[in-house]
Protein backbone atom coordinates (compact mmCIF):
# COMPACT_ATOMS: atom_id res chain seq x y z
CA MET A 1 -34.24 15.05 12.52
CA PRO A 2 -30.43 15.19 12.93
CA GLU A 3 -29.10 18.07 14.99
CA LEU A 4 -27.43 20.95 13.18
CA PHE A 5 -23.73 21.40 13.76
CA THR A 6 -22.61 24.37 15.80
CA THR A 7 -19.00 23.57 14.95
CA LYS A 8 -17.16 23.28 11.68
CA VAL A 9 -14.07 21.44 10.44
CA ALA A 10 -11.88 22.89 7.69
CA ILE A 11 -8.71 21.45 6.22
CA ILE A 12 -6.52 23.79 4.21
CA VAL A 13 -3.85 22.37 1.90
CA ARG A 14 -1.19 24.30 0.04
CA GLU A 15 -2.09 24.46 -3.63
CA ASP A 16 1.42 23.88 -5.03
CA LEU A 17 1.88 20.38 -3.58
CA ALA A 18 1.96 17.16 -5.58
CA VAL A 19 -1.33 15.24 -5.46
CA TRP A 20 0.14 12.51 -3.21
CA GLN A 21 1.35 15.20 -0.80
CA LYS A 22 -2.09 16.86 -0.68
CA LEU A 23 -3.74 13.55 0.12
CA ASN A 24 -1.11 12.67 2.72
CA VAL A 25 -1.37 16.03 4.46
CA THR A 26 -5.19 15.91 4.44
CA ALA A 27 -5.22 12.43 6.00
CA PHE A 28 -2.75 13.36 8.74
CA LEU A 29 -4.57 16.59 9.57
CA ALA A 30 -7.94 14.82 9.78
CA THR A 31 -6.50 12.42 12.35
CA GLY A 32 -5.21 15.38 14.34
CA ILE A 33 -8.69 16.88 14.58
CA ALA A 34 -10.24 13.50 15.45
CA ALA A 35 -7.65 12.89 18.18
CA SER A 36 -8.10 16.37 19.66
CA THR A 37 -11.88 16.28 19.69
CA PRO A 38 -13.09 12.74 20.47
CA GLU A 39 -16.53 14.16 21.22
CA ALA A 40 -16.85 14.92 17.48
CA LEU A 41 -16.60 11.22 16.62
CA GLY A 42 -19.80 9.44 15.70
CA GLU A 43 -20.76 5.92 16.66
CA PRO A 44 -19.11 2.89 15.01
CA TYR A 45 -20.49 1.90 11.62
CA GLU A 46 -21.97 -1.50 10.89
CA ASP A 47 -22.90 -3.16 7.60
CA ALA A 48 -25.94 -5.39 6.95
CA SER A 49 -24.01 -8.50 8.07
CA GLY A 50 -23.17 -6.95 11.43
CA ARG A 51 -19.48 -6.35 10.59
CA ARG A 52 -18.30 -3.30 12.50
CA TYR A 53 -16.22 -0.44 11.17
CA SER A 54 -14.36 2.40 12.87
CA ARG A 55 -15.90 5.58 14.10
CA MET A 56 -15.40 8.68 12.00
CA LEU A 57 -15.96 12.36 12.58
CA GLY A 58 -19.69 12.82 12.71
CA GLN A 59 -19.66 16.08 10.78
CA PRO A 60 -18.54 17.19 7.35
CA MET A 61 -15.02 18.44 6.70
CA LEU A 62 -14.47 21.05 4.02
CA VAL A 63 -11.13 20.98 2.20
CA PHE A 64 -9.70 24.24 0.89
CA SER A 65 -6.61 25.10 -1.15
CA ALA A 66 -4.37 28.04 -0.34
CA THR A 67 -1.00 29.63 -0.89
CA ARG A 68 1.64 29.58 1.84
CA GLU A 69 0.70 33.16 2.77
CA GLN A 70 -3.00 32.30 2.96
CA LEU A 71 -2.21 29.33 5.18
CA GLN A 72 -0.21 31.57 7.50
CA ALA A 73 -3.08 34.10 7.64
CA ALA A 74 -5.57 31.32 8.43
CA HIS A 75 -3.23 30.03 11.13
CA ARG A 76 -2.99 33.47 12.74
CA ALA A 77 -6.80 33.79 12.65
CA ALA A 78 -7.19 30.31 14.17
CA VAL A 79 -4.79 31.13 17.00
CA GLU A 80 -6.57 34.44 17.69
CA ARG A 81 -9.93 32.64 17.83
CA GLU A 82 -8.54 29.75 19.90
CA LEU A 83 -9.68 27.12 17.40
CA THR A 84 -8.53 23.51 17.65
CA THR A 85 -5.70 23.24 15.12
CA ALA A 86 -3.46 20.63 13.55
CA VAL A 87 -0.50 21.72 11.44
CA TYR A 88 1.76 20.13 8.85
CA VAL A 89 4.96 21.93 7.82
CA ALA A 90 7.06 21.29 4.72
CA ALA A 91 9.97 19.84 6.72
CA MET A 92 7.74 16.93 7.78
CA PHE A 93 7.99 15.55 4.24
CA THR A 94 11.67 14.82 4.92
CA THR A 95 11.15 12.84 8.13
CA GLY A 96 10.28 9.22 8.56
CA ASN A 97 8.67 9.13 11.98
CA ASP A 98 6.52 11.00 14.45
CA THR A 99 9.41 11.99 16.73
CA ASP A 100 11.23 13.70 13.86
CA ASN A 101 7.98 15.37 12.78
CA ARG A 102 7.70 16.96 16.21
CA ALA A 103 11.31 18.10 16.03
CA ALA A 104 10.73 19.57 12.57
CA LEU A 105 7.81 21.63 13.85
CA ARG A 106 9.73 22.71 16.96
CA ALA A 107 12.55 24.02 14.72
CA GLU A 108 10.18 26.34 12.82
CA ASN A 109 9.71 30.04 13.50
CA PRO A 110 6.29 30.04 15.22
CA ASP A 111 5.42 33.38 13.60
CA ALA A 112 6.22 32.18 10.07
CA LEU A 113 5.58 28.42 9.90
CA ASP A 114 6.31 26.89 6.49
CA LEU A 115 2.80 25.46 6.45
CA VAL A 116 1.68 23.00 3.79
CA GLY A 117 -1.50 22.11 5.65
CA LEU A 118 -3.71 23.28 8.47
CA ALA A 119 -6.85 21.79 10.00
CA LEU A 120 -9.28 23.80 12.09
CA ARG A 121 -12.27 22.94 14.25
CA GLY A 122 -14.36 25.27 16.29
CA GLU A 123 -17.49 27.36 16.32
CA ARG A 124 -18.77 27.85 12.78
CA LYS A 125 -18.29 31.63 12.76
CA GLY A 126 -14.68 31.37 13.94
CA VAL A 127 -13.76 28.78 11.33
CA ASP A 128 -15.58 30.76 8.62
CA LYS A 129 -13.54 33.86 9.51
CA ALA A 130 -10.28 31.89 9.43
CA VAL A 131 -10.97 30.47 5.95
CA LYS A 132 -12.55 33.65 4.53
CA GLY A 133 -11.48 34.18 0.92
CA LEU A 134 -10.19 30.63 0.40
CA SER A 135 -11.55 28.40 -2.36
CA LEU A 136 -12.73 24.85 -1.87
CA HIS A 137 -10.16 22.39 -3.15
CA LYS A 138 -10.80 21.20 -6.71
């Protein structure tokens, strides 16, 4: 029987984004969690012919939608609970590379990030408290 997860992954995306932006933000945030927590990655996949495929996170990720204010509240809760976090701010949509993305984040007010996406990983209870009141993305 597979072991039950003691940790949880949640991705929160701002509800007023265009669909392509929501998908883009979700993909980037998922890579941030995977890079920060390599122990959460499962084994490589293999099809019936023996062709190998990349490892993926070995646990489910729940995707939520939120307003800017809800994202900021979830971010504050994540920081208080010392959860693993990945962030995406609105200014990153205007950049074309990773270096400029870092500069865009560095230019933000850390107490009022213009968040369009946030990913969290940590103990289930901590993540649940950070996403309390949010709806799953539709």
